[in-house]
N, C-alpha and C. Protein backbone atom coordinates (compact mmCIF):
# COMPACT_ATOMS: atom_id res chain seq x y z
N MET A 1 48.47 19.31 86.36
CA MET A 1 48.13 20.63 85.86
C MET A 1 49.23 21.59 86.24
N TYR A 2 49.58 22.48 85.34
CA TYR A 2 50.54 23.54 85.61
C TYR A 2 50.31 24.69 84.64
N VAL A 3 50.96 25.83 84.88
CA VAL A 3 50.83 27.00 84.03
C VAL A 3 51.97 27.00 83.01
N PRO A 4 51.65 27.16 81.71
CA PRO A 4 52.71 27.21 80.70
C PRO A 4 53.64 28.39 80.94
N GLU A 5 54.90 28.21 80.59
CA GLU A 5 55.90 29.26 80.81
C GLU A 5 55.70 30.48 79.92
N ASP A 6 55.24 30.30 78.69
CA ASP A 6 55.11 31.40 77.75
C ASP A 6 53.70 31.39 77.13
N PRO A 7 52.67 31.75 77.92
CA PRO A 7 51.30 31.69 77.40
C PRO A 7 51.04 32.79 76.36
N PRO A 8 50.12 32.54 75.41
CA PRO A 8 49.81 33.56 74.41
C PRO A 8 49.04 34.73 75.04
N GLU A 9 49.03 35.86 74.33
CA GLU A 9 48.34 37.05 74.85
C GLU A 9 46.82 36.90 74.80
N THR A 10 46.30 36.21 73.81
CA THR A 10 44.87 35.96 73.69
C THR A 10 44.64 34.46 73.53
N CYS A 11 43.43 34.03 73.75
CA CYS A 11 43.07 32.62 73.63
C CYS A 11 43.20 32.16 72.18
N PRO A 12 44.00 31.13 71.91
CA PRO A 12 44.14 30.66 70.52
C PRO A 12 42.90 29.96 69.99
N ALA A 13 42.00 29.54 70.87
CA ALA A 13 40.78 28.86 70.43
C ALA A 13 39.72 29.84 69.94
N CYS A 14 39.57 31.00 70.65
CA CYS A 14 38.50 31.93 70.29
C CYS A 14 39.00 33.35 69.99
N GLY A 15 40.25 33.68 70.38
CA GLY A 15 40.80 35.00 70.13
C GLY A 15 40.48 36.04 71.18
N ASP A 16 39.70 35.68 72.20
CA ASP A 16 39.32 36.62 73.25
C ASP A 16 40.39 36.70 74.34
N PRO A 17 40.38 37.78 75.13
CA PRO A 17 41.25 37.83 76.31
C PRO A 17 40.85 36.73 77.29
N TYR A 18 41.74 36.34 78.17
CA TYR A 18 41.44 35.32 79.18
C TYR A 18 42.08 35.70 80.50
N ALA A 19 41.58 35.14 81.58
CA ALA A 19 42.06 35.48 82.92
C ALA A 19 43.23 34.60 83.34
N SER A 20 43.20 33.32 82.96
CA SER A 20 44.28 32.41 83.33
C SER A 20 44.31 31.24 82.36
N VAL A 21 45.42 30.52 82.38
CA VAL A 21 45.59 29.35 81.53
C VAL A 21 46.22 28.23 82.36
N SER A 22 45.81 27.01 82.09
CA SER A 22 46.42 25.86 82.75
C SER A 22 46.66 24.77 81.71
N ARG A 23 47.76 24.05 81.88
CA ARG A 23 48.13 22.97 80.95
C ARG A 23 47.89 21.64 81.64
N HIS A 24 47.30 20.69 80.89
CA HIS A 24 46.90 19.42 81.47
C HIS A 24 47.46 18.24 80.68
N ASP A 25 47.83 17.20 81.42
CA ASP A 25 48.33 15.99 80.79
C ASP A 25 47.52 14.77 81.21
N ASP A 26 46.38 15.02 81.85
CA ASP A 26 45.53 13.94 82.33
C ASP A 26 44.08 14.43 82.32
N GLY A 27 43.15 13.58 82.65
CA GLY A 27 41.75 13.96 82.66
C GLY A 27 41.41 14.94 83.76
N PHE A 28 40.28 15.62 83.62
CA PHE A 28 39.79 16.57 84.62
C PHE A 28 38.32 16.85 84.35
N VAL A 29 37.67 17.56 85.25
CA VAL A 29 36.25 17.88 85.13
C VAL A 29 36.09 19.40 85.11
N VAL A 30 35.17 19.89 84.27
CA VAL A 30 34.86 21.32 84.20
C VAL A 30 33.37 21.48 84.47
N ASN A 31 33.01 22.28 85.48
CA ASN A 31 31.63 22.59 85.79
C ASN A 31 31.52 24.10 85.94
N LEU A 32 30.87 24.76 84.99
CA LEU A 32 30.72 26.21 85.04
C LEU A 32 29.29 26.64 85.34
N LEU A 33 28.43 25.71 85.69
CA LEU A 33 27.04 26.04 85.96
C LEU A 33 26.89 27.02 87.12
N ASP A 34 27.64 26.83 88.18
CA ASP A 34 27.52 27.67 89.36
C ASP A 34 28.81 28.43 89.65
N ASN A 35 29.57 28.74 88.61
CA ASN A 35 30.86 29.36 88.80
C ASN A 35 30.72 30.89 88.76
N GLU A 36 31.05 31.54 89.87
CA GLU A 36 30.91 32.99 89.95
C GLU A 36 32.06 33.72 89.25
N ARG A 37 33.17 33.06 89.04
CA ARG A 37 34.34 33.73 88.48
C ARG A 37 34.46 33.54 86.96
N TYR A 38 34.31 32.31 86.49
CA TYR A 38 34.53 32.03 85.07
C TYR A 38 33.22 31.71 84.36
N ARG A 39 33.12 32.18 83.12
CA ARG A 39 31.94 31.94 82.30
C ARG A 39 32.21 30.86 81.25
N ARG A 40 33.45 30.81 80.75
CA ARG A 40 33.77 29.88 79.67
C ARG A 40 35.20 29.40 79.83
N VAL A 41 35.44 28.16 79.42
CA VAL A 41 36.79 27.60 79.34
C VAL A 41 36.96 27.08 77.92
N CYS A 42 37.98 27.57 77.23
CA CYS A 42 38.30 27.07 75.89
C CYS A 42 39.44 26.07 76.02
N PHE A 43 39.41 25.05 75.19
CA PHE A 43 40.44 24.02 75.19
C PHE A 43 41.21 24.11 73.88
N HIS A 44 42.54 24.05 73.97
CA HIS A 44 43.38 24.12 72.78
C HIS A 44 44.48 23.07 72.89
N PRO A 45 44.68 22.24 71.84
CA PRO A 45 45.70 21.20 71.93
C PRO A 45 47.10 21.79 72.04
N VAL A 46 47.97 21.10 72.77
CA VAL A 46 49.36 21.52 72.91
C VAL A 46 50.18 20.86 71.81
N ASP A 47 51.01 21.64 71.14
CA ASP A 47 51.91 21.12 70.11
C ASP A 47 52.91 20.18 70.78
N PRO A 48 53.01 18.93 70.35
CA PRO A 48 53.96 17.99 70.98
C PRO A 48 55.41 18.47 70.92
N ALA A 49 55.73 19.33 69.95
CA ALA A 49 57.08 19.88 69.88
C ALA A 49 57.34 20.86 71.03
N VAL A 50 56.27 21.45 71.57
CA VAL A 50 56.38 22.39 72.69
C VAL A 50 56.40 21.64 74.01
N ASP A 51 55.53 20.66 74.16
CA ASP A 51 55.44 19.88 75.40
C ASP A 51 54.88 18.50 75.06
N ALA A 52 55.76 17.53 74.94
CA ALA A 52 55.37 16.18 74.52
C ALA A 52 54.49 15.46 75.55
N ASP A 53 54.52 15.91 76.81
CA ASP A 53 53.75 15.24 77.86
C ASP A 53 52.35 15.80 78.05
N ALA A 54 52.08 17.00 77.55
CA ALA A 54 50.78 17.65 77.77
C ALA A 54 49.83 17.40 76.62
N ALA A 55 48.55 17.35 76.93
CA ALA A 55 47.52 17.13 75.91
C ALA A 55 46.89 18.44 75.43
N PHE A 56 46.54 19.34 76.39
CA PHE A 56 45.87 20.57 76.00
C PHE A 56 46.01 21.64 77.07
N ASP A 57 45.76 22.90 76.63
CA ASP A 57 45.71 24.05 77.53
C ASP A 57 44.25 24.44 77.70
N CYS A 58 43.90 24.91 78.90
CA CYS A 58 42.57 25.43 79.20
C CYS A 58 42.68 26.93 79.43
N PHE A 59 41.92 27.70 78.68
CA PHE A 59 41.92 29.15 78.80
C PHE A 59 40.63 29.55 79.50
N HIS A 60 40.76 30.17 80.68
CA HIS A 60 39.62 30.48 81.54
C HIS A 60 39.18 31.93 81.31
N HIS A 61 37.94 32.10 80.85
CA HIS A 61 37.39 33.43 80.55
C HIS A 61 36.40 33.83 81.63
N THR A 62 36.55 35.06 82.13
CA THR A 62 35.61 35.58 83.13
C THR A 62 34.29 35.97 82.45
N HIS A 63 33.28 36.25 83.25
CA HIS A 63 32.00 36.70 82.72
C HIS A 63 32.19 37.98 81.91
N ARG A 64 32.95 38.90 82.41
CA ARG A 64 33.18 40.17 81.72
C ARG A 64 33.87 39.95 80.37
N GLN A 65 34.84 39.05 80.33
CA GLN A 65 35.58 38.81 79.09
C GLN A 65 34.71 38.17 78.01
N THR A 66 33.62 37.53 78.39
CA THR A 66 32.72 36.90 77.43
C THR A 66 31.51 37.77 77.12
N GLY A 67 31.43 38.95 77.75
CA GLY A 67 30.30 39.85 77.51
C GLY A 67 29.06 39.48 78.28
N SER A 68 29.17 38.59 79.25
CA SER A 68 28.03 38.19 80.06
C SER A 68 27.66 39.28 81.04
N SER A 69 26.39 39.37 81.38
CA SER A 69 25.94 40.36 82.36
C SER A 69 26.08 39.84 83.78
N ALA A 70 26.52 38.60 83.95
CA ALA A 70 26.70 38.05 85.30
C ALA A 70 27.79 38.79 86.06
N VAL A 71 27.66 38.85 87.35
CA VAL A 71 28.64 39.55 88.19
C VAL A 71 29.86 38.65 88.39
N GLU A 72 31.05 39.28 88.33
CA GLU A 72 32.30 38.53 88.57
C GLU A 72 32.62 38.50 90.03
């Protein structure tokens, strides 16, 4: 996992603002049931022309960014 050098301004999967992005080239687990910071994670495939080794980017959205009433 690493952070892309030139991340987009908004999430390409949903168009919403996001708090952070991470790029992955292997499997991982996402559990947001008890997460106080993030409400949603969007997944977007990485263009092989941009990074041939990576599979997808994860865009992490806070509760506030998703319109949730949960506390951040």
